[in-house]
Structures are given as C-alpha cells and as structure tokens.
Amino acid sequence: IAGIFVSFFVIGIWHGANWTFIMV
C-alpha cells in the first residue's frame, strides 16, 4: 500500500508542479 502511494505520488507530481496533480 505504501508502494502504491509512493508510485502514484511520483506519477502525479511528474505531470506538473501543482497541488492539483498531487491530488490526482
């Protein structure tokens, strides 16, 4: 579960420097 969140945090922030992408 922690690995899932780390991976999708990277995928989110990869898209751009905005809290909206982190939220995604």
PDBML (XML) file of the C-alpha atoms, coordinates in Angstrom:
<?xml version="1.0" encoding="UTF-8" ?>
<PDBx:datablock datablockName="MODEL"
   xmlns:PDBx="http://pdbml.pdb.org/schema/pdbx-v50.xsd"
   xmlns:xsi="http://www.w3.org/2001/XMLSchema-instance"
   xsi:schemaLocation="http://pdbml.pdb.org/schema/pdbx-v50.xsd pdbx-v50.xsd">
   <PDBx:atom_siteCategory>
      <PDBx:atom_site id="1">
         <PDBx:B_iso_or_equiv>0.00</PDBx:B_iso_or_equiv>
         <PDBx:Cartn_x>0.000</PDBx:Cartn_x>
         <PDBx:Cartn_y>0.000</PDBx:Cartn_y>
         <PDBx:Cartn_z>0.000</PDBx:Cartn_z>
         <PDBx:auth_asym_id>A</PDBx:auth_asym_id>
         <PDBx:auth_atom_id>CA</PDBx:auth_atom_id>
         <PDBx:auth_comp_id>ILE</PDBx:auth_comp_id>
         <PDBx:auth_seq_id>1</PDBx:auth_seq_id>
         <PDBx:group_PDB>ATOM</PDBx:group_PDB>
         <PDBx:label_alt_id xsi:nil="true" />
         <PDBx:label_asym_id>A</PDBx:label_asym_id>
         <PDBx:label_atom_id>CA</PDBx:label_atom_id>
         <PDBx:label_comp_id>ILE</PDBx:label_comp_id>
         <PDBx:label_entity_id>1</PDBx:label_entity_id>
         <PDBx:label_seq_id>1</PDBx:label_seq_id>
         <PDBx:occupancy>1.00</PDBx:occupancy>
         <PDBx:pdbx_PDB_model_num>1</PDBx:pdbx_PDB_model_num>
         <PDBx:type_symbol>C</PDBx:type_symbol>
      </PDBx:atom_site>
      <PDBx:atom_site id="2">
         <PDBx:B_iso_or_equiv>0.00</PDBx:B_iso_or_equiv>
         <PDBx:Cartn_x>2.848</PDBx:Cartn_x>
         <PDBx:Cartn_y>2.396</PDBx:Cartn_y>
         <PDBx:Cartn_z>0.818</PDBx:Cartn_z>
         <PDBx:auth_asym_id>A</PDBx:auth_asym_id>
         <PDBx:auth_atom_id>CA</PDBx:auth_atom_id>
         <PDBx:auth_comp_id>ALA</PDBx:auth_comp_id>
         <PDBx:auth_seq_id>2</PDBx:auth_seq_id>
         <PDBx:group_PDB>ATOM</PDBx:group_PDB>
         <PDBx:label_alt_id xsi:nil="true" />
         <PDBx:label_asym_id>A</PDBx:label_asym_id>
         <PDBx:label_atom_id>CA</PDBx:label_atom_id>
         <PDBx:label_comp_id>ALA</PDBx:label_comp_id>
         <PDBx:label_entity_id>1</PDBx:label_entity_id>
         <PDBx:label_seq_id>2</PDBx:label_seq_id>
         <PDBx:occupancy>1.00</PDBx:occupancy>
         <PDBx:pdbx_PDB_model_num>1</PDBx:pdbx_PDB_model_num>
         <PDBx:type_symbol>C</PDBx:type_symbol>
      </PDBx:atom_site>
      <PDBx:atom_site id="3">
         <PDBx:B_iso_or_equiv>0.00</PDBx:B_iso_or_equiv>
         <PDBx:Cartn_x>4.485</PDBx:Cartn_x>
         <PDBx:Cartn_y>1.488</PDBx:Cartn_y>
         <PDBx:Cartn_z>-2.501</PDBx:Cartn_z>
         <PDBx:auth_asym_id>A</PDBx:auth_asym_id>
         <PDBx:auth_atom_id>CA</PDBx:auth_atom_id>
         <PDBx:auth_comp_id>GLY</PDBx:auth_comp_id>
         <PDBx:auth_seq_id>3</PDBx:auth_seq_id>
         <PDBx:group_PDB>ATOM</PDBx:group_PDB>
         <PDBx:label_alt_id xsi:nil="true" />
         <PDBx:label_asym_id>A</PDBx:label_asym_id>
         <PDBx:label_atom_id>CA</PDBx:label_atom_id>
         <PDBx:label_comp_id>GLY</PDBx:label_comp_id>
         <PDBx:label_entity_id>1</PDBx:label_entity_id>
         <PDBx:label_seq_id>3</PDBx:label_seq_id>
         <PDBx:occupancy>1.00</PDBx:occupancy>
         <PDBx:pdbx_PDB_model_num>1</PDBx:pdbx_PDB_model_num>
         <PDBx:type_symbol>C</PDBx:type_symbol>
      </PDBx:atom_site>
      <PDBx:atom_site id="4">
         <PDBx:B_iso_or_equiv>0.00</PDBx:B_iso_or_equiv>
         <PDBx:Cartn_x>1.255</PDBx:Cartn_x>
         <PDBx:Cartn_y>2.274</PDBx:Cartn_y>
         <PDBx:Cartn_z>-4.329</PDBx:Cartn_z>
         <PDBx:auth_asym_id>A</PDBx:auth_asym_id>
         <PDBx:auth_atom_id>CA</PDBx:auth_atom_id>
         <PDBx:auth_comp_id>ILE</PDBx:auth_comp_id>
         <PDBx:auth_seq_id>4</PDBx:auth_seq_id>
         <PDBx:group_PDB>ATOM</PDBx:group_PDB>
         <PDBx:label_alt_id xsi:nil="true" />
         <PDBx:label_asym_id>A</PDBx:label_asym_id>
         <PDBx:label_atom_id>CA</PDBx:label_atom_id>
         <PDBx:label_comp_id>ILE</PDBx:label_comp_id>
         <PDBx:label_entity_id>1</PDBx:label_entity_id>
         <PDBx:label_seq_id>4</PDBx:label_seq_id>
         <PDBx:occupancy>1.00</PDBx:occupancy>
         <PDBx:pdbx_PDB_model_num>1</PDBx:pdbx_PDB_model_num>
         <PDBx:type_symbol>C</PDBx:type_symbol>
      </PDBx:atom_site>
      <PDBx:atom_site id="5">
         <PDBx:B_iso_or_equiv>0.00</PDBx:B_iso_or_equiv>
         <PDBx:Cartn_x>1.081</PDBx:Cartn_x>
         <PDBx:Cartn_y>5.748</PDBx:Cartn_y>
         <PDBx:Cartn_z>-2.777</PDBx:Cartn_z>
         <PDBx:auth_asym_id>A</PDBx:auth_asym_id>
         <PDBx:auth_atom_id>CA</PDBx:auth_atom_id>
         <PDBx:auth_comp_id>PHE</PDBx:auth_comp_id>
         <PDBx:auth_seq_id>5</PDBx:auth_seq_id>
         <PDBx:group_PDB>ATOM</PDBx:group_PDB>
         <PDBx:label_alt_id xsi:nil="true" />
         <PDBx:label_asym_id>A</PDBx:label_asym_id>
         <PDBx:label_atom_id>CA</PDBx:label_atom_id>
         <PDBx:label_comp_id>PHE</PDBx:label_comp_id>
         <PDBx:label_entity_id>1</PDBx:label_entity_id>
         <PDBx:label_seq_id>5</PDBx:label_seq_id>
         <PDBx:occupancy>1.00</PDBx:occupancy>
         <PDBx:pdbx_PDB_model_num>1</PDBx:pdbx_PDB_model_num>
         <PDBx:type_symbol>C</PDBx:type_symbol>
      </PDBx:atom_site>
      <PDBx:atom_site id="6">
         <PDBx:B_iso_or_equiv>0.00</PDBx:B_iso_or_equiv>
         <PDBx:Cartn_x>4.756</PDBx:Cartn_x>
         <PDBx:Cartn_y>6.477</PDBx:Cartn_y>
         <PDBx:Cartn_z>-3.448</PDBx:Cartn_z>
         <PDBx:auth_asym_id>A</PDBx:auth_asym_id>
         <PDBx:auth_atom_id>CA</PDBx:auth_atom_id>
         <PDBx:auth_comp_id>VAL</PDBx:auth_comp_id>
         <PDBx:auth_seq_id>6</PDBx:auth_seq_id>
         <PDBx:group_PDB>ATOM</PDBx:group_PDB>
         <PDBx:label_alt_id xsi:nil="true" />
         <PDBx:label_asym_id>A</PDBx:label_asym_id>
         <PDBx:label_atom_id>CA</PDBx:label_atom_id>
         <PDBx:label_comp_id>VAL</PDBx:label_comp_id>
         <PDBx:label_entity_id>1</PDBx:label_entity_id>
         <PDBx:label_seq_id>6</PDBx:label_seq_id>
         <PDBx:occupancy>1.00</PDBx:occupancy>
         <PDBx:pdbx_PDB_model_num>1</PDBx:pdbx_PDB_model_num>
         <PDBx:type_symbol>C</PDBx:type_symbol>
      </PDBx:atom_site>
      <PDBx:atom_site id="7">
         <PDBx:B_iso_or_equiv>0.00</PDBx:B_iso_or_equiv>
         <PDBx:Cartn_x>4.364</PDBx:Cartn_x>
         <PDBx:Cartn_y>5.407</PDBx:Cartn_y>
         <PDBx:Cartn_z>-7.084</PDBx:Cartn_z>
         <PDBx:auth_asym_id>A</PDBx:auth_asym_id>
         <PDBx:auth_atom_id>CA</PDBx:auth_atom_id>
         <PDBx:auth_comp_id>SER</PDBx:auth_comp_id>
         <PDBx:auth_seq_id>7</PDBx:auth_seq_id>
         <PDBx:group_PDB>ATOM</PDBx:group_PDB>
         <PDBx:label_alt_id xsi:nil="true" />
         <PDBx:label_asym_id>A</PDBx:label_asym_id>
         <PDBx:label_atom_id>CA</PDBx:label_atom_id>
         <PDBx:label_comp_id>SER</PDBx:label_comp_id>
         <PDBx:label_entity_id>1</PDBx:label_entity_id>
         <PDBx:label_seq_id>7</PDBx:label_seq_id>
         <PDBx:occupancy>1.00</PDBx:occupancy>
         <PDBx:pdbx_PDB_model_num>1</PDBx:pdbx_PDB_model_num>
         <PDBx:type_symbol>C</PDBx:type_symbol>
      </PDBx:atom_site>
      <PDBx:atom_site id="8">
         <PDBx:B_iso_or_equiv>0.00</PDBx:B_iso_or_equiv>
         <PDBx:Cartn_x>1.247</PDBx:Cartn_x>
         <PDBx:Cartn_y>7.487</PDBx:Cartn_y>
         <PDBx:Cartn_z>-7.667</PDBx:Cartn_z>
         <PDBx:auth_asym_id>A</PDBx:auth_asym_id>
         <PDBx:auth_atom_id>CA</PDBx:auth_atom_id>
         <PDBx:auth_comp_id>PHE</PDBx:auth_comp_id>
         <PDBx:auth_seq_id>8</PDBx:auth_seq_id>
         <PDBx:group_PDB>ATOM</PDBx:group_PDB>
         <PDBx:label_alt_id xsi:nil="true" />
         <PDBx:label_asym_id>A</PDBx:label_asym_id>
         <PDBx:label_atom_id>CA</PDBx:label_atom_id>
         <PDBx:label_comp_id>PHE</PDBx:label_comp_id>
         <PDBx:label_entity_id>1</PDBx:label_entity_id>
         <PDBx:label_seq_id>8</PDBx:label_seq_id>
         <PDBx:occupancy>1.00</PDBx:occupancy>
         <PDBx:pdbx_PDB_model_num>1</PDBx:pdbx_PDB_model_num>
         <PDBx:type_symbol>C</PDBx:type_symbol>
      </PDBx:atom_site>
      <PDBx:atom_site id="9">
         <PDBx:B_iso_or_equiv>0.00</PDBx:B_iso_or_equiv>
         <PDBx:Cartn_x>2.712</PDBx:Cartn_x>
         <PDBx:Cartn_y>10.477</PDBx:Cartn_y>
         <PDBx:Cartn_z>-5.888</PDBx:Cartn_z>
         <PDBx:auth_asym_id>A</PDBx:auth_asym_id>
         <PDBx:auth_atom_id>CA</PDBx:auth_atom_id>
         <PDBx:auth_comp_id>PHE</PDBx:auth_comp_id>
         <PDBx:auth_seq_id>9</PDBx:auth_seq_id>
         <PDBx:group_PDB>ATOM</PDBx:group_PDB>
         <PDBx:label_alt_id xsi:nil="true" />
         <PDBx:label_asym_id>A</PDBx:label_asym_id>
         <PDBx:label_atom_id>CA</PDBx:label_atom_id>
         <PDBx:label_comp_id>PHE</PDBx:label_comp_id>
         <PDBx:label_entity_id>1</PDBx:label_entity_id>
         <PDBx:label_seq_id>9</PDBx:label_seq_id>
         <PDBx:occupancy>1.00</PDBx:occupancy>
         <PDBx:pdbx_PDB_model_num>1</PDBx:pdbx_PDB_model_num>
         <PDBx:type_symbol>C</PDBx:type_symbol>
      </PDBx:atom_site>
      <PDBx:atom_site id="10">
         <PDBx:B_iso_or_equiv>0.00</PDBx:B_iso_or_equiv>
         <PDBx:Cartn_x>5.528</PDBx:Cartn_x>
         <PDBx:Cartn_y>10.299</PDBx:Cartn_y>
         <PDBx:Cartn_z>-8.448</PDBx:Cartn_z>
         <PDBx:auth_asym_id>A</PDBx:auth_asym_id>
         <PDBx:auth_atom_id>CA</PDBx:auth_atom_id>
         <PDBx:auth_comp_id>VAL</PDBx:auth_comp_id>
         <PDBx:auth_seq_id>10</PDBx:auth_seq_id>
         <PDBx:group_PDB>ATOM</PDBx:group_PDB>
         <PDBx:label_alt_id xsi:nil="true" />
         <PDBx:label_asym_id>A</PDBx:label_asym_id>
         <PDBx:label_atom_id>CA</PDBx:label_atom_id>
         <PDBx:label_comp_id>VAL</PDBx:label_comp_id>
         <PDBx:label_entity_id>1</PDBx:label_entity_id>
         <PDBx:label_seq_id>10</PDBx:label_seq_id>
         <PDBx:occupancy>1.00</PDBx:occupancy>
         <PDBx:pdbx_PDB_model_num>1</PDBx:pdbx_PDB_model_num>
         <PDBx:type_symbol>C</PDBx:type_symbol>
      </PDBx:atom_site>
      <PDBx:atom_site id="11">
         <PDBx:B_iso_or_equiv>0.00</PDBx:B_iso_or_equiv>
         <PDBx:Cartn_x>3.038</PDBx:Cartn_x>
         <PDBx:Cartn_y>9.889</PDBx:Cartn_y>
         <PDBx:Cartn_z>-11.302</PDBx:Cartn_z>
         <PDBx:auth_asym_id>A</PDBx:auth_asym_id>
         <PDBx:auth_atom_id>CA</PDBx:auth_atom_id>
         <PDBx:auth_comp_id>ILE</PDBx:auth_comp_id>
         <PDBx:auth_seq_id>11</PDBx:auth_seq_id>
         <PDBx:group_PDB>ATOM</PDBx:group_PDB>
         <PDBx:label_alt_id xsi:nil="true" />
         <PDBx:label_asym_id>A</PDBx:label_asym_id>
         <PDBx:label_atom_id>CA</PDBx:label_atom_id>
         <PDBx:label_comp_id>ILE</PDBx:label_comp_id>
         <PDBx:label_entity_id>1</PDBx:label_entity_id>
         <PDBx:label_seq_id>11</PDBx:label_seq_id>
         <PDBx:occupancy>1.00</PDBx:occupancy>
         <PDBx:pdbx_PDB_model_num>1</PDBx:pdbx_PDB_model_num>
         <PDBx:type_symbol>C</PDBx:type_symbol>
      </PDBx:atom_site>
      <PDBx:atom_site id="12">
         <PDBx:B_iso_or_equiv>0.00</PDBx:B_iso_or_equiv>
         <PDBx:Cartn_x>1.060</PDBx:Cartn_x>
         <PDBx:Cartn_y>12.862</PDBx:Cartn_y>
         <PDBx:Cartn_z>-10.009</PDBx:Cartn_z>
         <PDBx:auth_asym_id>A</PDBx:auth_asym_id>
         <PDBx:auth_atom_id>CA</PDBx:auth_atom_id>
         <PDBx:auth_comp_id>GLY</PDBx:auth_comp_id>
         <PDBx:auth_seq_id>12</PDBx:auth_seq_id>
         <PDBx:group_PDB>ATOM</PDBx:group_PDB>
         <PDBx:label_alt_id xsi:nil="true" />
         <PDBx:label_asym_id>A</PDBx:label_asym_id>
         <PDBx:label_atom_id>CA</PDBx:label_atom_id>
         <PDBx:label_comp_id>GLY</PDBx:label_comp_id>
         <PDBx:label_entity_id>1</PDBx:label_entity_id>
         <PDBx:label_seq_id>12</PDBx:label_seq_id>
         <PDBx:occupancy>1.00</PDBx:occupancy>
         <PDBx:pdbx_PDB_model_num>1</PDBx:pdbx_PDB_model_num>
         <PDBx:type_symbol>C</PDBx:type_symbol>
      </PDBx:atom_site>
      <PDBx:atom_site id="13">
         <PDBx:B_iso_or_equiv>0.00</PDBx:B_iso_or_equiv>
         <PDBx:Cartn_x>3.966</PDBx:Cartn_x>
         <PDBx:Cartn_y>15.248</PDBx:Cartn_y>
         <PDBx:Cartn_z>-9.464</PDBx:Cartn_z>
         <PDBx:auth_asym_id>A</PDBx:auth_asym_id>
         <PDBx:auth_atom_id>CA</PDBx:auth_atom_id>
         <PDBx:auth_comp_id>ILE</PDBx:auth_comp_id>
         <PDBx:auth_seq_id>13</PDBx:auth_seq_id>
         <PDBx:group_PDB>ATOM</PDBx:group_PDB>
         <PDBx:label_alt_id xsi:nil="true" />
         <PDBx:label_asym_id>A</PDBx:label_asym_id>
         <PDBx:label_atom_id>CA</PDBx:label_atom_id>
         <PDBx:label_comp_id>ILE</PDBx:label_comp_id>
         <PDBx:label_entity_id>1</PDBx:label_entity_id>
         <PDBx:label_seq_id>13</PDBx:label_seq_id>
         <PDBx:occupancy>1.00</PDBx:occupancy>
         <PDBx:pdbx_PDB_model_num>1</PDBx:pdbx_PDB_model_num>
         <PDBx:type_symbol>C</PDBx:type_symbol>
      </PDBx:atom_site>
      <PDBx:atom_site id="14">
         <PDBx:B_iso_or_equiv>0.00</PDBx:B_iso_or_equiv>
         <PDBx:Cartn_x>5.566</PDBx:Cartn_x>
         <PDBx:Cartn_y>14.061</PDBx:Cartn_y>
         <PDBx:Cartn_z>-12.731</PDBx:Cartn_z>
         <PDBx:auth_asym_id>A</PDBx:auth_asym_id>
         <PDBx:auth_atom_id>CA</PDBx:auth_atom_id>
         <PDBx:auth_comp_id>TRP</PDBx:auth_comp_id>
         <PDBx:auth_seq_id>14</PDBx:auth_seq_id>
         <PDBx:group_PDB>ATOM</PDBx:group_PDB>
         <PDBx:label_alt_id xsi:nil="true" />
         <PDBx:label_asym_id>A</PDBx:label_asym_id>
         <PDBx:label_atom_id>CA</PDBx:label_atom_id>
         <PDBx:label_comp_id>TRP</PDBx:label_comp_id>
         <PDBx:label_entity_id>1</PDBx:label_entity_id>
         <PDBx:label_seq_id>14</PDBx:label_seq_id>
         <PDBx:occupancy>1.00</PDBx:occupancy>
         <PDBx:pdbx_PDB_model_num>1</PDBx:pdbx_PDB_model_num>
         <PDBx:type_symbol>C</PDBx:type_symbol>
      </PDBx:atom_site>
      <PDBx:atom_site id="15">
         <PDBx:B_iso_or_equiv>0.00</PDBx:B_iso_or_equiv>
         <PDBx:Cartn_x>2.715</PDBx:Cartn_x>
         <PDBx:Cartn_y>15.775</PDBx:Cartn_y>
         <PDBx:Cartn_z>-14.556</PDBx:Cartn_z>
         <PDBx:auth_asym_id>A</PDBx:auth_asym_id>
         <PDBx:auth_atom_id>CA</PDBx:auth_atom_id>
         <PDBx:auth_comp_id>HIS</PDBx:auth_comp_id>
         <PDBx:auth_seq_id>15</PDBx:auth_seq_id>
         <PDBx:group_PDB>ATOM</PDBx:group_PDB>
         <PDBx:label_alt_id xsi:nil="true" />
         <PDBx:label_asym_id>A</PDBx:label_asym_id>
         <PDBx:label_atom_id>CA</PDBx:label_atom_id>
         <PDBx:label_comp_id>HIS</PDBx:label_comp_id>
         <PDBx:label_entity_id>1</PDBx:label_entity_id>
         <PDBx:label_seq_id>15</PDBx:label_seq_id>
         <PDBx:occupancy>1.00</PDBx:occupancy>
         <PDBx:pdbx_PDB_model_num>1</PDBx:pdbx_PDB_model_num>
         <PDBx:type_symbol>C</PDBx:type_symbol>
      </PDBx:atom_site>
      <PDBx:atom_site id="16">
         <PDBx:B_iso_or_equiv>0.00</PDBx:B_iso_or_equiv>
         <PDBx:Cartn_x>3.471</PDBx:Cartn_x>
         <PDBx:Cartn_y>19.199</PDBx:Cartn_y>
         <PDBx:Cartn_z>-13.120</PDBx:Cartn_z>
         <PDBx:auth_asym_id>A</PDBx:auth_asym_id>
         <PDBx:auth_atom_id>CA</PDBx:auth_atom_id>
         <PDBx:auth_comp_id>GLY</PDBx:auth_comp_id>
         <PDBx:auth_seq_id>16</PDBx:auth_seq_id>
         <PDBx:group_PDB>ATOM</PDBx:group_PDB>
         <PDBx:label_alt_id xsi:nil="true" />
         <PDBx:label_asym_id>A</PDBx:label_asym_id>
         <PDBx:label_atom_id>CA</PDBx:label_atom_id>
         <PDBx:label_comp_id>GLY</PDBx:label_comp_id>
         <PDBx:label_entity_id>1</PDBx:label_entity_id>
         <PDBx:label_seq_id>16</PDBx:label_seq_id>
         <PDBx:occupancy>1.00</PDBx:occupancy>
         <PDBx:pdbx_PDB_model_num>1</PDBx:pdbx_PDB_model_num>
         <PDBx:type_symbol>C</PDBx:type_symbol>
      </PDBx:atom_site>
      <PDBx:atom_site id="17">
         <PDBx:B_iso_or_equiv>0.00</PDBx:B_iso_or_equiv>
         <PDBx:Cartn_x>4.283</PDBx:Cartn_x>
         <PDBx:Cartn_y>21.474</PDBx:Cartn_y>
         <PDBx:Cartn_z>-10.198</PDBx:Cartn_z>
         <PDBx:auth_asym_id>A</PDBx:auth_asym_id>
         <PDBx:auth_atom_id>CA</PDBx:auth_atom_id>
         <PDBx:auth_comp_id>ALA</PDBx:auth_comp_id>
         <PDBx:auth_seq_id>17</PDBx:auth_seq_id>
         <PDBx:group_PDB>ATOM</PDBx:group_PDB>
         <PDBx:label_alt_id xsi:nil="true" />
         <PDBx:label_asym_id>A</PDBx:label_asym_id>
         <PDBx:label_atom_id>CA</PDBx:label_atom_id>
         <PDBx:label_comp_id>ALA</PDBx:label_comp_id>
         <PDBx:label_entity_id>1</PDBx:label_entity_id>
         <PDBx:label_seq_id>17</PDBx:label_seq_id>
         <PDBx:occupancy>1.00</PDBx:occupancy>
         <PDBx:pdbx_PDB_model_num>1</PDBx:pdbx_PDB_model_num>
         <PDBx:type_symbol>C</PDBx:type_symbol>
      </PDBx:atom_site>
      <PDBx:atom_site id="18">
         <PDBx:B_iso_or_equiv>0.00</PDBx:B_iso_or_equiv>
         <PDBx:Cartn_x>0.764</PDBx:Cartn_x>
         <PDBx:Cartn_y>21.946</PDBx:Cartn_y>
         <PDBx:Cartn_z>-8.882</PDBx:Cartn_z>
         <PDBx:auth_asym_id>A</PDBx:auth_asym_id>
         <PDBx:auth_atom_id>CA</PDBx:auth_atom_id>
         <PDBx:auth_comp_id>ASN</PDBx:auth_comp_id>
         <PDBx:auth_seq_id>18</PDBx:auth_seq_id>
         <PDBx:group_PDB>ATOM</PDBx:group_PDB>
         <PDBx:label_alt_id xsi:nil="true" />
         <PDBx:label_asym_id>A</PDBx:label_asym_id>
         <PDBx:label_atom_id>CA</PDBx:label_atom_id>
         <PDBx:label_comp_id>ASN</PDBx:label_comp_id>
         <PDBx:label_entity_id>1</PDBx:label_entity_id>
         <PDBx:label_seq_id>18</PDBx:label_seq_id>
         <PDBx:occupancy>1.00</PDBx:occupancy>
         <PDBx:pdbx_PDB_model_num>1</PDBx:pdbx_PDB_model_num>
         <PDBx:type_symbol>C</PDBx:type_symbol>
      </PDBx:atom_site>
      <PDBx:atom_site id="19">
         <PDBx:B_iso_or_equiv>0.00</PDBx:B_iso_or_equiv>
         <PDBx:Cartn_x>-1.209</PDBx:Cartn_x>
         <PDBx:Cartn_y>20.562</PDBx:Cartn_y>
         <PDBx:Cartn_z>-5.952</PDBx:Cartn_z>
         <PDBx:auth_asym_id>A</PDBx:auth_asym_id>
         <PDBx:auth_atom_id>CA</PDBx:auth_atom_id>
         <PDBx:auth_comp_id>TRP</PDBx:auth_comp_id>
         <PDBx:auth_seq_id>19</PDBx:auth_seq_id>
         <PDBx:group_PDB>ATOM</PDBx:group_PDB>
         <PDBx:label_alt_id xsi:nil="true" />
         <PDBx:label_asym_id>A</PDBx:label_asym_id>
         <PDBx:label_atom_id>CA</PDBx:label_atom_id>
         <PDBx:label_comp_id>TRP</PDBx:label_comp_id>
         <PDBx:label_entity_id>1</PDBx:label_entity_id>
         <PDBx:label_seq_id>19</PDBx:label_seq_id>
         <PDBx:occupancy>1.00</PDBx:occupancy>
         <PDBx:pdbx_PDB_model_num>1</PDBx:pdbx_PDB_model_num>
         <PDBx:type_symbol>C</PDBx:type_symbol>
      </PDBx:atom_site>
      <PDBx:atom_site id="20">
         <PDBx:B_iso_or_equiv>0.00</PDBx:B_iso_or_equiv>
         <PDBx:Cartn_x>-3.889</PDBx:Cartn_x>
         <PDBx:Cartn_y>19.504</PDBx:Cartn_y>
         <PDBx:Cartn_z>-8.429</PDBx:Cartn_z>
         <PDBx:auth_asym_id>A</PDBx:auth_asym_id>
         <PDBx:auth_atom_id>CA</PDBx:auth_atom_id>
         <PDBx:auth_comp_id>THR</PDBx:auth_comp_id>
         <PDBx:auth_seq_id>20</PDBx:auth_seq_id>
         <PDBx:group_PDB>ATOM</PDBx:group_PDB>
         <PDBx:label_alt_id xsi:nil="true" />
         <PDBx:label_asym_id>A</PDBx:label_asym_id>
         <PDBx:label_atom_id>CA</PDBx:label_atom_id>
         <PDBx:label_comp_id>THR</PDBx:label_comp_id>
         <PDBx:label_entity_id>1</PDBx:label_entity_id>
         <PDBx:label_seq_id>20</PDBx:label_seq_id>
         <PDBx:occupancy>1.00</PDBx:occupancy>
         <PDBx:pdbx_PDB_model_num>1</PDBx:pdbx_PDB_model_num>
         <PDBx:type_symbol>C</PDBx:type_symbol>
      </PDBx:atom_site>
      <PDBx:atom_site id="21">
         <PDBx:B_iso_or_equiv>0.00</PDBx:B_iso_or_equiv>
         <PDBx:Cartn_x>-1.555</PDBx:Cartn_x>
         <PDBx:Cartn_y>16.866</PDBx:Cartn_y>
         <PDBx:Cartn_z>-9.891</PDBx:Cartn_z>
         <PDBx:auth_asym_id>A</PDBx:auth_asym_id>
         <PDBx:auth_atom_id>CA</PDBx:auth_atom_id>
         <PDBx:auth_comp_id>PHE</PDBx:auth_comp_id>
         <PDBx:auth_seq_id>21</PDBx:auth_seq_id>
         <PDBx:group_PDB>ATOM</PDBx:group_PDB>
         <PDBx:label_alt_id xsi:nil="true" />
         <PDBx:label_asym_id>A</PDBx:label_asym_id>
         <PDBx:label_atom_id>CA</PDBx:label_atom_id>
         <PDBx:label_comp_id>PHE</PDBx:label_comp_id>
         <PDBx:label_entity_id>1</PDBx:label_entity_id>
         <PDBx:label_seq_id>21</PDBx:label_seq_id>
         <PDBx:occupancy>1.00</PDBx:occupancy>
         <PDBx:pdbx_PDB_model_num>1</PDBx:pdbx_PDB_model_num>
         <PDBx:type_symbol>C</PDBx:type_symbol>
      </PDBx:atom_site>
      <PDBx:atom_site id="22">
         <PDBx:B_iso_or_equiv>0.00</PDBx:B_iso_or_equiv>
         <PDBx:Cartn_x>-0.535</PDBx:Cartn_x>
         <PDBx:Cartn_y>15.689</PDBx:Cartn_y>
         <PDBx:Cartn_z>-6.438</PDBx:Cartn_z>
         <PDBx:auth_asym_id>A</PDBx:auth_asym_id>
         <PDBx:auth_atom_id>CA</PDBx:auth_atom_id>
         <PDBx:auth_comp_id>ILE</PDBx:auth_comp_id>
         <PDBx:auth_seq_id>22</PDBx:auth_seq_id>
         <PDBx:group_PDB>ATOM</PDBx:group_PDB>
         <PDBx:label_alt_id xsi:nil="true" />
         <PDBx:label_asym_id>A</PDBx:label_asym_id>
         <PDBx:label_atom_id>CA</PDBx:label_atom_id>
         <PDBx:label_comp_id>ILE</PDBx:label_comp_id>
         <PDBx:label_entity_id>1</PDBx:label_entity_id>
         <PDBx:label_seq_id>22</PDBx:label_seq_id>
         <PDBx:occupancy>1.00</PDBx:occupancy>
         <PDBx:pdbx_PDB_model_num>1</PDBx:pdbx_PDB_model_num>
         <PDBx:type_symbol>C</PDBx:type_symbol>
      </PDBx:atom_site>
      <PDBx:atom_site id="23">
         <PDBx:B_iso_or_equiv>0.00</PDBx:B_iso_or_equiv>
         <PDBx:Cartn_x>-4.247</PDBx:Cartn_x>
         <PDBx:Cartn_y>15.333</PDBx:Cartn_y>
         <PDBx:Cartn_z>-5.655</PDBx:Cartn_z>
         <PDBx:auth_asym_id>A</PDBx:auth_asym_id>
         <PDBx:auth_atom_id>CA</PDBx:auth_atom_id>
         <PDBx:auth_comp_id>MET</PDBx:auth_comp_id>
         <PDBx:auth_seq_id>23</PDBx:auth_seq_id>
         <PDBx:group_PDB>ATOM</PDBx:group_PDB>
         <PDBx:label_alt_id xsi:nil="true" />
         <PDBx:label_asym_id>A</PDBx:label_asym_id>
         <PDBx:label_atom_id>CA</PDBx:label_atom_id>
         <PDBx:label_comp_id>MET</PDBx:label_comp_id>
         <PDBx:label_entity_id>1</PDBx:label_entity_id>
         <PDBx:label_seq_id>23</PDBx:label_seq_id>
         <PDBx:occupancy>1.00</PDBx:occupancy>
         <PDBx:pdbx_PDB_model_num>1</PDBx:pdbx_PDB_model_num>
         <PDBx:type_symbol>C</PDBx:type_symbol>
      </PDBx:atom_site>
      <PDBx:atom_site id="24">
         <PDBx:B_iso_or_equiv>0.00</PDBx:B_iso_or_equiv>
         <PDBx:Cartn_x>-4.696</PDBx:Cartn_x>
         <PDBx:Cartn_y>13.198</PDBx:Cartn_y>
         <PDBx:Cartn_z>-8.772</PDBx:Cartn_z>
         <PDBx:auth_asym_id>A</PDBx:auth_asym_id>
         <PDBx:auth_atom_id>CA</PDBx:auth_atom_id>
         <PDBx:auth_comp_id>VAL</PDBx:auth_comp_id>
         <PDBx:auth_seq_id>24</PDBx:auth_seq_id>
         <PDBx:group_PDB>ATOM</PDBx:group_PDB>
         <PDBx:label_alt_id xsi:nil="true" />
         <PDBx:label_asym_id>A</PDBx:label_asym_id>
         <PDBx:label_atom_id>CA</PDBx:label_atom_id>
         <PDBx:label_comp_id>VAL</PDBx:label_comp_id>
         <PDBx:label_entity_id>1</PDBx:label_entity_id>
         <PDBx:label_seq_id>24</PDBx:label_seq_id>
         <PDBx:occupancy>1.00</PDBx:occupancy>
         <PDBx:pdbx_PDB_model_num>1</PDBx:pdbx_PDB_model_num>
         <PDBx:type_symbol>C</PDBx:type_symbol>
      </PDBx:atom_site>
   </PDBx:atom_siteCategory>
</PDBx:datablock>
